[in-house]
């Protein structure tokens, strides 16, 4: 399936979740999702990012989707907080 973002929407392919090691079991419902990813599609009115840009998203923004076993998030342009260059960001 192919999904194209429209208007001011940005479709982001989310980064894989980083496994945490330790002895405490935390259910998936309490683990925050990744907030970084790569732009897969942009709407015609988006001008702050381009396809293939690495971005940081507002926590819990947008609609989570699974397309062909890959995790995506569809967000408004204003939910993109910044561009990422080369260095990985670790969420706390």
PDB file of N, CA and C in Angstrom:
ATOM      1  N   UNK A   1       0.848  -1.176   0.000  1.00  0.00           N
ATOM      2  CA  UNK A   1       0.000   0.000   0.000  1.00  0.00           C
ATOM      3  C   UNK A   1       0.894   1.240   0.000  1.00  0.00           C
ATOM      4  N   UNK A   2       0.461   2.255  -0.715  1.00  0.00           N
ATOM      5  CA  UNK A   2       1.169   3.529  -0.760  1.00  0.00           C
ATOM      6  C   UNK A   2       0.242   4.596  -0.199  1.00  0.00           C
ATOM      7  N   UNK A   3       0.759   5.408   0.723  1.00  0.00           N
ATOM      8  CA  UNK A   3      -0.009   6.496   1.315  1.00  0.00           C
ATOM      9  C   UNK A   3       0.711   7.803   1.034  1.00  0.00           C
ATOM     10  N   UNK A   4      -0.005   8.761   0.464  1.00  0.00           N
ATOM     11  CA  UNK A   4       0.565  10.079   0.177  1.00  0.00           C
ATOM     12  C   UNK A   4      -0.033  11.085   1.153  1.00  0.00           C
ATOM     13  N   UNK A   5       0.816  11.859   1.795  1.00  0.00           N
ATOM     14  CA  UNK A   5       0.350  12.919   2.693  1.00  0.00           C
ATOM     15  C   UNK A   5      -0.275  14.032   1.861  1.00  0.00           C
ATOM     16  N   UNK A   6      -1.299  14.675   2.407  1.00  0.00           N
ATOM     17  CA  UNK A   6      -1.989  15.770   1.725  1.00  0.00           C
ATOM     18  C   UNK A   6      -1.954  17.032   2.569  1.00  0.00           C
ATOM     19  N   UNK A   7      -2.119  18.183   1.926  1.00  0.00           N
ATOM     20  CA  UNK A   7      -2.223  19.453   2.637  1.00  0.00           C
ATOM     21  C   UNK A   7      -0.992  19.764   3.450  1.00  0.00           C
ATOM     22  N   UNK A   8      -1.189  19.923   4.760  1.00  0.00           N
ATOM     23  CA  UNK A   8      -0.078  20.256   5.661  1.00  0.00           C
ATOM     24  C   UNK A   8       0.376  19.038   6.469  1.00  0.00           C
ATOM     25  N   UNK A   9       0.094  17.851   5.977  1.00  0.00           N
ATOM     26  CA  UNK A   9       0.463  16.620   6.683  1.00  0.00           C
ATOM     27  C   UNK A   9       1.843  16.130   6.262  1.00  0.00           C
ATOM     28  N   UNK A  10       2.502  15.431   7.198  1.00  0.00           N
ATOM     29  CA  UNK A  10       3.819  14.841   6.968  1.00  0.00           C
ATOM     30  C   UNK A  10       3.733  13.381   7.399  1.00  0.00           C
ATOM     31  N   UNK A  11       4.104  12.452   6.516  1.00  0.00           N
ATOM     32  CA  UNK A  11       4.143  11.029   6.836  1.00  0.00           C
ATOM     33  C   UNK A  11       5.579  10.662   7.173  1.00  0.00           C
ATOM     34  N   UNK A  12       5.779  10.130   8.380  1.00  0.00           N
ATOM     35  CA  UNK A  12       7.128   9.830   8.877  1.00  0.00           C
ATOM     36  C   UNK A  12       7.254   8.335   9.140  1.00  0.00           C
ATOM     37  N   UNK A  13       8.276   7.712   8.546  1.00  0.00           N
ATOM     38  CA  UNK A  13       8.601   6.321   8.862  1.00  0.00           C
ATOM     39  C   UNK A  13       9.396   6.346  10.155  1.00  0.00           C
ATOM     40  N   UNK A  14       8.832   5.769  11.195  1.00  0.00           N
ATOM     41  CA  UNK A  14       9.427   5.858  12.525  1.00  0.00           C
ATOM     42  C   UNK A  14      10.650   4.959  12.655  1.00  0.00           C
ATOM     43  N   UNK A  15      11.609   5.421  13.446  1.00  0.00           N
ATOM     44  CA  UNK A  15      12.789   4.615  13.749  1.00  0.00           C
ATOM     45  C   UNK A  15      12.375   3.414  14.585  1.00  0.00           C
ATOM     46  N   UNK A  16      13.149   2.351  14.487  1.00  0.00           N
ATOM     47  CA  UNK A  16      12.897   1.167  15.299  1.00  0.00           C
ATOM     48  C   UNK A  16      13.113   1.511  16.765  1.00  0.00           C
ATOM     49  N   UNK A  17      12.323   0.907  17.619  1.00  0.00           N
ATOM     50  CA  UNK A  17      12.472   1.145  19.064  1.00  0.00           C
ATOM     51  C   UNK A  17      13.780   0.559  19.542  1.00  0.00           C
ATOM     52  N   UNK A  18      14.451   1.303  20.399  1.00  0.00           N
ATOM     53  CA  UNK A  18      15.712   0.851  20.958  1.00  0.00           C
ATOM     54  C   UNK A  18      15.437  -0.015  22.176  1.00  0.00           C
ATOM     55  N   UNK A  19      15.929  -1.256  22.172  1.00  0.00           N
ATOM     56  CA  UNK A  19      15.680  -2.111  23.333  1.00  0.00           C
ATOM     57  C   UNK A  19      16.423  -1.589  24.560  1.00  0.00           C
ATOM     58  N   UNK A  20      15.764  -1.615  25.678  1.00  0.00           N
ATOM     59  CA  UNK A  20      16.383  -1.218  26.947  1.00  0.00           C
ATOM     60  C   UNK A  20      16.713  -2.483  27.721  1.00  0.00           C
ATOM     61  N   UNK A  21      17.886  -2.501  28.316  1.00  0.00           N
ATOM     62  CA  UNK A  21      18.264  -3.673  29.091  1.00  0.00           C
ATOM     63  C   UNK A  21      18.134  -3.353  30.563  1.00  0.00           C
ATOM     64  N   UNK A  22      17.799  -4.341  31.323  1.00  0.00           N
ATOM     65  CA  UNK A  22      17.639  -4.157  32.754  1.00  0.00           C
ATOM     66  C   UNK A  22      16.794  -5.282  33.324  1.00  0.00           C
ATOM     67  N   UNK A  23      16.513  -5.208  34.614  1.00  0.00           N
ATOM     68  CA  UNK A  23      15.787  -6.278  35.280  1.00  0.00           C
ATOM     69  C   UNK A  23      14.334  -5.938  35.573  1.00  0.00           C
ATOM     70  N   UNK A  24      13.909  -4.737  35.268  1.00  0.00           N
ATOM     71  CA  UNK A  24      12.534  -4.346  35.556  1.00  0.00           C
ATOM     72  C   UNK A  24      11.696  -4.552  34.312  1.00  0.00           C
ATOM     73  N   UNK A  25      10.569  -5.268  34.466  1.00  0.00           N
ATOM     74  CA  UNK A  25       9.653  -5.482  33.346  1.00  0.00           C
ATOM     75  C   UNK A  25       8.691  -4.310  33.267  1.00  0.00           C
ATOM     76  N   UNK A  26       8.653  -3.668  32.112  1.00  0.00           N
ATOM     77  CA  UNK A  26       7.732  -2.559  31.887  1.00  0.00           C
ATOM     78  C   UNK A  26       6.830  -2.950  30.723  1.00  0.00           C
ATOM     79  N   UNK A  27       5.518  -3.027  30.939  1.00  0.00           N
ATOM     80  CA  UNK A  27       4.607  -3.395  29.853  1.00  0.00           C
ATOM     81  C   UNK A  27       4.689  -2.405  28.696  1.00  0.00           C
ATOM     82  N   UNK A  28       4.437  -2.902  27.492  1.00  0.00           N
ATOM     83  CA  UNK A  28       4.502  -2.054  26.300  1.00  0.00           C
ATOM     84  C   UNK A  28       3.605  -0.832  26.401  1.00  0.00           C
ATOM     85  N   UNK A  29       2.487  -0.943  27.112  1.00  0.00           N
ATOM     86  CA  UNK A  29       1.563   0.185  27.223  1.00  0.00           C
ATOM     87  C   UNK A  29       2.171   1.362  27.988  1.00  0.00           C
ATOM     88  N   UNK A  30       3.251   1.130  28.739  1.00  0.00           N
ATOM     89  CA  UNK A  30       3.894   2.196  29.495  1.00  0.00           C
ATOM     90  C   UNK A  30       5.184   2.693  28.854  1.00  0.00           C
ATOM     91  N   UNK A  31       5.599   2.055  27.777  1.00  0.00           N
ATOM     92  CA  UNK A  31       6.836   2.441  27.108  1.00  0.00           C
ATOM     93  C   UNK A  31       6.500   3.482  26.053  1.00  0.00           C
ATOM     94  N   UNK A  32       7.212   4.605  26.086  1.00  0.00           N
ATOM     95  CA  UNK A  32       6.930   5.649  25.098  1.00  0.00           C
ATOM     96  C   UNK A  32       7.435   5.201  23.733  1.00  0.00           C
ATOM     97  N   UNK A  33       6.757   5.654  22.703  1.00  0.00           N
ATOM     98  CA  UNK A  33       7.150   5.287  21.352  1.00  0.00           C
ATOM     99  C   UNK A  33       8.265   6.206  20.879  1.00  0.00           C
ATOM    100  N   UNK A  34       8.932   5.783  19.828  1.00  0.00           N
ATOM    101  CA  UNK A  34      10.000   6.612  19.264  1.00  0.00           C
ATOM    102  C   UNK A  34       9.421   7.924  18.749  1.00  0.00           C
ATOM    103  N   UNK A  35      10.201   8.972  18.813  1.00  0.00           N
ATOM    104  CA  UNK A  35       9.755  10.270  18.315  1.00  0.00           C
ATOM    105  C   UNK A  35      10.666  10.776  17.210  1.00  0.00           C
ATOM    106  N   UNK A  36      11.474   9.869  16.643  1.00  0.00           N
ATOM    107  CA  UNK A  36      12.334  10.226  15.525  1.00  0.00           C
ATOM    108  C   UNK A  36      12.036   9.319  14.340  1.00  0.00           C
ATOM    109  N   UNK A  37      12.277   9.850  13.156  1.00  0.00           N
ATOM    110  CA  UNK A  37      12.044   9.045  11.969  1.00  0.00           C
ATOM    111  C   UNK A  37      12.474   9.785  10.713  1.00  0.00           C
ATOM    112  N   UNK A  38      12.120   9.194   9.577  1.00  0.00           N
ATOM    113  CA  UNK A  38      12.487   9.732   8.272  1.00  0.00           C
ATOM    114  C   UNK A  38      11.223  10.088   7.505  1.00  0.00           C
ATOM    115  N   UNK A  39      11.196  11.279   6.930  1.00  0.00           N
ATOM    116  CA  UNK A  39      10.020  11.737   6.194  1.00  0.00           C
ATOM    117  C   UNK A  39       9.842  10.880   4.942  1.00  0.00           C
ATOM    118  N   UNK A  40       8.649  10.281   4.809  1.00  0.00           N
ATOM    119  CA  UNK A  40       8.342   9.419   3.672  1.00  0.00           C
ATOM    120  C   UNK A  40       7.514  10.146   2.615  1.00  0.00           C
ATOM    121  N   UNK A  41       6.670  11.102   3.047  1.00  0.00           N
ATOM    122  CA  UNK A  41       5.804  11.832   2.123  1.00  0.00           C
ATOM    123  C   UNK A  41       5.390  13.144   2.769  1.00  0.00           C
ATOM    124  N   UNK A  42       5.208  14.175   1.953  1.00  0.00           N
ATOM    125  CA  UNK A  42       4.753  15.466   2.474  1.00  0.00           C
ATOM    126  C   UNK A  42       3.585  15.971   1.628  1.00  0.00           C
ATOM    127  N   UNK A  43       2.702  16.720   2.267  1.00  0.00           N
ATOM    128  CA  UNK A  43       1.594  17.340   1.561  1.00  0.00           C
ATOM    129  C   UNK A  43       2.071  18.519   0.734  1.00  0.00           C
ATOM    130  N   UNK A  44       1.200  18.971  -0.168  1.00  0.00           N
ATOM    131  CA  UNK A  44       1.576  20.035  -1.101  1.00  0.00           C
ATOM    132  C   UNK A  44       1.848  21.381  -0.445  1.00  0.00           C
ATOM    133  N   UNK A  45       1.376  21.587   0.796  1.00  0.00           N
ATOM    134  CA  UNK A  45       1.596  22.874   1.474  1.00  0.00           C
ATOM    135  C   UNK A  45       2.712  22.835   2.519  1.00  0.00           C
ATOM    136  N   UNK A  46       3.417  21.721   2.622  1.00  0.00           N
ATOM    137  CA  UNK A  46       4.511  21.594   3.594  1.00  0.00           C
ATOM    138  C   UNK A  46       5.778  22.198   3.006  1.00  0.00           C
ATOM    139  N   UNK A  47       6.400  23.110   3.773  1.00  0.00           N
ATOM    140  CA  UNK A  47       7.639  23.708   3.277  1.00  0.00           C
ATOM    141  C   UNK A  47       8.793  23.658   4.272  1.00  0.00           C
ATOM    142  N   UNK A  48       8.572  23.063   5.442  1.00  0.00           N
ATOM    143  CA  UNK A  48       9.656  23.047   6.439  1.00  0.00           C
ATOM    144  C   UNK A  48      10.528  21.794   6.348  1.00  0.00           C
ATOM    145  N   UNK A  49      10.047  20.733   5.691  1.00  0.00           N
ATOM    146  CA  UNK A  49      10.821  19.493   5.556  1.00  0.00           C
ATOM    147  C   UNK A  49      10.665  18.958   4.140  1.00  0.00           C
ATOM    148  N   UNK A  50      11.583  18.054   3.779  1.00  0.00           N
ATOM    149  CA  UNK A  50      11.532  17.374   2.487  1.00  0.00           C
ATOM    150  C   UNK A  50      11.542  15.872   2.725  1.00  0.00           C
ATOM    151  N   UNK A  51      11.142  15.111   1.717  1.00  0.00           N
ATOM    152  CA  UNK A  51      11.213  13.659   1.773  1.00  0.00           C
ATOM    153  C   UNK A  51      12.659  13.258   2.046  1.00  0.00           C
ATOM    154  N   UNK A  52      12.843  12.252   2.899  1.00  0.00           N
ATOM    155  CA  UNK A  52      14.136  11.699   3.334  1.00  0.00           C
ATOM    156  C   UNK A  52      14.826  12.519   4.421  1.00  0.00           C
ATOM    157  N   UNK A  53      14.245  13.636   4.870  1.00  0.00           N
ATOM    158  CA  UNK A  53      14.797  14.351   6.027  1.00  0.00           C
ATOM    159  C   UNK A  53      14.576  13.515   7.281  1.00  0.00           C
ATOM    160  N   UNK A  54      15.533  13.561   8.203  1.00  0.00           N
ATOM    161  CA  UNK A  54      15.364  12.921   9.524  1.00  0.00           C
ATOM    162  C   UNK A  54      14.796  13.975  10.447  1.00  0.00           C
ATOM    163  N   UNK A  55      13.738  13.613  11.198  1.00  0.00           N
ATOM    164  CA  UNK A  55      13.026  14.600  11.996  1.00  0.00           C
ATOM    165  C   UNK A  55      12.771  14.119  13.419  1.00  0.00           C
ATOM    166  N   UNK A  56      12.534  15.097  14.282  1.00  0.00           N
ATOM    167  CA  UNK A  56      12.120  14.885  15.660  1.00  0.00           C
ATOM    168  C   UNK A  56      10.674  15.358  15.750  1.00  0.00           C
ATOM    169  N   UNK A  57       9.787  14.486  16.269  1.00  0.00           N
ATOM    170  CA  UNK A  57       8.370  14.814  16.366  1.00  0.00           C
ATOM    171  C   UNK A  57       7.968  15.129  17.798  1.00  0.00           C
ATOM    172  N   UNK A  58       6.896  15.895  17.936  1.00  0.00           N
ATOM    173  CA  UNK A  58       6.298  16.141  19.241  1.00  0.00           C
ATOM    174  C   UNK A  58       5.813  14.799  19.789  1.00  0.00           C
ATOM    175  N   UNK A  59       6.019  14.570  21.084  1.00  0.00           N
ATOM    176  CA  UNK A  59       5.630  13.319  21.737  1.00  0.00           C
ATOM    177  C   UNK A  59       4.119  13.106  21.610  1.00  0.00           C
ATOM    178  N   UNK A  60       3.722  11.909  21.248  1.00  0.00           N
ATOM    179  CA  UNK A  60       2.314  11.511  21.089  1.00  0.00           C
ATOM    180  C   UNK A  60       1.564  12.311  20.033  1.00  0.00           C
ATOM    181  N   UNK A  61       2.258  12.813  19.048  1.00  0.00           N
ATOM    182  CA  UNK A  61       1.605  13.570  17.969  1.00  0.00           C
ATOM    183  C   UNK A  61       1.144  12.618  16.876  1.00  0.00           C
ATOM    184  N   UNK A  62       0.082  12.992  16.199  1.00  0.00           N
ATOM    185  CA  UNK A  62      -0.341  12.322  14.984  1.00  0.00           C
ATOM    186  C   UNK A  62      -1.035  10.994  15.164  1.00  0.00           C
ATOM    187  N   UNK A  63      -1.168  10.311  14.039  1.00  0.00           N
ATOM    188  CA  UNK A  63      -1.855   9.030  13.945  1.00  0.00           C
ATOM    189  C   UNK A  63      -0.830   7.960  13.625  1.00  0.00           C
ATOM    190  N   UNK A  64      -0.786   6.914  14.442  1.00  0.00           N
ATOM    191  CA  UNK A  64       0.145   5.815  14.207  1.00  0.00           C
ATOM    192  C   UNK A  64      -0.451   4.854  13.188  1.00  0.00           C
ATOM    193  N   UNK A  65       0.376   4.438  12.218  1.00  0.00           N
ATOM    194  CA  UNK A  65      -0.061   3.524  11.168  1.00  0.00           C
ATOM    195  C   UNK A  65       0.963   2.421  10.992  1.00  0.00           C
ATOM    196  N   UNK A  66       0.514   1.251  10.550  1.00  0.00           N
ATOM    197  CA  UNK A  66       1.421   0.184  10.150  1.00  0.00           C
ATOM    198  C   UNK A  66       1.129  -0.109   8.687  1.00  0.00           C
ATOM    199  N   UNK A  67       2.140   0.093   7.845  1.00  0.00           N
ATOM    200  CA  UNK A  67       2.013  -0.137   6.413  1.00  0.00           C
ATOM    201  C   UNK A  67       3.106  -1.109   6.006  1.00  0.00           C
ATOM    202  N   UNK A  68       2.722  -2.256   5.478  1.00  0.00           N
ATOM    203  CA  UNK A  68       3.688  -3.285   5.065  1.00  0.00           C
ATOM    204  C   UNK A  68       4.668  -3.612   6.189  1.00  0.00           C
ATOM    205  N   UNK A  69       4.143  -3.793   7.398  1.00  0.00           N
ATOM    206  CA  UNK A  69       4.919  -4.160   8.590  1.00  0.00           C
ATOM    207  C   UNK A  69       5.915  -3.095   9.043  1.00  0.00           C
ATOM    208  N   UNK A  70       5.779  -1.869   8.570  1.00  0.00           N
ATOM    209  CA  UNK A  70       6.620  -0.751   8.998  1.00  0.00           C
ATOM    210  C   UNK A  70       5.754   0.252   9.762  1.00  0.00           C
ATOM    211  N   UNK A  71       6.321   0.866  10.819  1.00  0.00           N
ATOM    212  CA  UNK A  71       5.586   1.846  11.618  1.00  0.00           C
ATOM    213  C   UNK A  71       5.759   3.249  11.040  1.00  0.00           C
ATOM    214  N   UNK A  72       4.626   3.922  10.845  1.00  0.00           N
ATOM    215  CA  UNK A  72       4.605   5.288  10.345  1.00  0.00           C
ATOM    216  C   UNK A  72       3.759   6.134  11.284  1.00  0.00           C
ATOM    217  N   UNK A  73       3.970   7.443  11.244  1.00  0.00           N
ATOM    218  CA  UNK A  73       3.122   8.389  11.958  1.00  0.00           C
ATOM    219  C   UNK A  73       2.776   9.515  10.988  1.00  0.00           C
ATOM    220  N   UNK A  74       1.488   9.836  10.906  1.00  0.00           N
ATOM    221  CA  UNK A  74       1.013  10.931  10.068  1.00  0.00           C
ATOM    222  C   UNK A  74       0.738  12.113  10.985  1.00  0.00           C
ATOM    223  N   UNK A  75       1.480  13.207  10.797  1.00  0.00           N
ATOM    224  CA  UNK A  75       1.389  14.366  11.689  1.00  0.00           C
ATOM    225  C   UNK A  75       1.140  15.645  10.910  1.00  0.00           C
ATOM    226  N   UNK A  76       0.660  16.672  11.622  1.00  0.00           N
ATOM    227  CA  UNK A  76       0.597  18.006  11.051  1.00  0.00           C
ATOM    228  C   UNK A  76       2.018  18.570  10.983  1.00  0.00           C
ATOM    229  N   UNK A  77       2.241  19.457  10.050  1.00  0.00           N
ATOM    230  CA  UNK A  77       3.564  20.057   9.872  1.00  0.00           C
ATOM    231  C   UNK A  77       4.087  20.685  11.168  1.00  0.00           C
ATOM    232  N   UNK A  78       3.204  21.278  11.966  1.00  0.00           N
ATOM    233  CA  UNK A  78       3.663  21.939  13.196  1.00  0.00           C
ATOM    234  C   UNK A  78       4.036  20.964  14.306  1.00  0.00           C
ATOM    235  N   UNK A  79       3.837  19.656  14.097  1.00  0.00           N
ATOM    236  CA  UNK A  79       4.277  18.652  15.062  1.00  0.00           C
ATOM    237  C   UNK A  79       5.723  18.228  14.840  1.00  0.00           C
ATOM    238  N   UNK A  80       6.320  18.701  13.753  1.00  0.00           N
ATOM    239  CA  UNK A  80       7.740  18.443  13.496  1.00  0.00           C
ATOM    240  C   UNK A  80       8.529  19.493  14.269  1.00  0.00           C
ATOM    241  N   UNK A  81       9.293  19.046  15.259  1.00  0.00           N
ATOM    242  CA  UNK A  81      10.021  19.962  16.136  1.00  0.00           C
ATOM    243  C   UNK A  81      11.386  20.347  15.599  1.00  0.00           C
ATOM    244  N   UNK A  82      11.986  19.484  14.780  1.00  0.00           N
ATOM    245  CA  UNK A  82      13.308  19.818  14.267  1.00  0.00           C
ATOM    246  C   UNK A  82      13.844  18.777  13.313  1.00  0.00           C
ATOM    247  N   UNK A  83      14.941  19.132  12.653  1.00  0.00           N
ATOM    248  CA  UNK A  83      15.644  18.236  11.743  1.00  0.00           C
ATOM    249  C   UNK A  83      16.843  17.630  12.470  1.00  0.00           C
ATOM    250  N   UNK A  84      17.145  16.396  12.146  1.00  0.00           N
ATOM    251  CA  UNK A  84      18.257  15.680  12.783  1.00  0.00           C
ATOM    252  C   UNK A  84      19.375  15.517  11.759  1.00  0.00           C
ATOM    253  N   UNK A  85      20.590  15.857  12.171  1.00  0.00           N
ATOM    254  CA  UNK A  85      21.760  15.678  11.312  1.00  0.00           C
ATOM    255  C   UNK A  85      22.749  14.728  11.969  1.00  0.00           C
ATOM    256  N   UNK A  86      22.939  13.569  11.379  1.00  0.00           N
ATOM    257  CA  UNK A  86      23.983  12.593  11.704  1.00  0.00           C
ATOM    258  C   UNK A  86      24.032  12.034  13.125  1.00  0.00           C
ATOM    259  N   UNK A  87      23.807  12.796  14.172  1.00  0.00           N
ATOM    260  CA  UNK A  87      23.975  12.249  15.512  1.00  0.00           C
ATOM    261  C   UNK A  87      22.645  11.689  16.022  1.00  0.00           C
ATOM    262  N   UNK A  88      22.668  10.469  16.603  1.00  0.00           N
ATOM    263  CA  UNK A  88      21.434   9.881  17.106  1.00  0.00           C
ATOM    264  C   UNK A  88      20.945  10.610  18.355  1.00  0.00           C
ATOM    265  N   UNK A  89      19.632  10.621  18.534  1.00  0.00           N
ATOM    266  CA  UNK A  89      19.016  11.228  19.714  1.00  0.00           C
ATOM    267  C   UNK A  89      18.468  10.104  20.577  1.00  0.00           C
ATOM    268  N   UNK A  90      18.784  10.126  21.859  1.00  0.00           N
ATOM    269  CA  UNK A  90      18.281   9.109  22.774  1.00  0.00           C
ATOM    270  C   UNK A  90      17.143   9.698  23.583  1.00  0.00           C
ATOM    271  N   UNK A  91      16.003   9.012  23.592  1.00  0.00           N
ATOM    272  CA  UNK A  91      14.869   9.496  24.371  1.00  0.00           C
ATOM    273  C   UNK A  91      15.017   9.050  25.817  1.00  0.00           C
ATOM    274  N   UNK A  92      14.476   9.841  26.703  1.00  0.00           N
ATOM    275  CA  UNK A  92      14.582   9.557  28.135  1.00  0.00           C
ATOM    276  C   UNK A  92      13.257   9.034  28.640  1.00  0.00           C
TER     277      UNK A  92
END
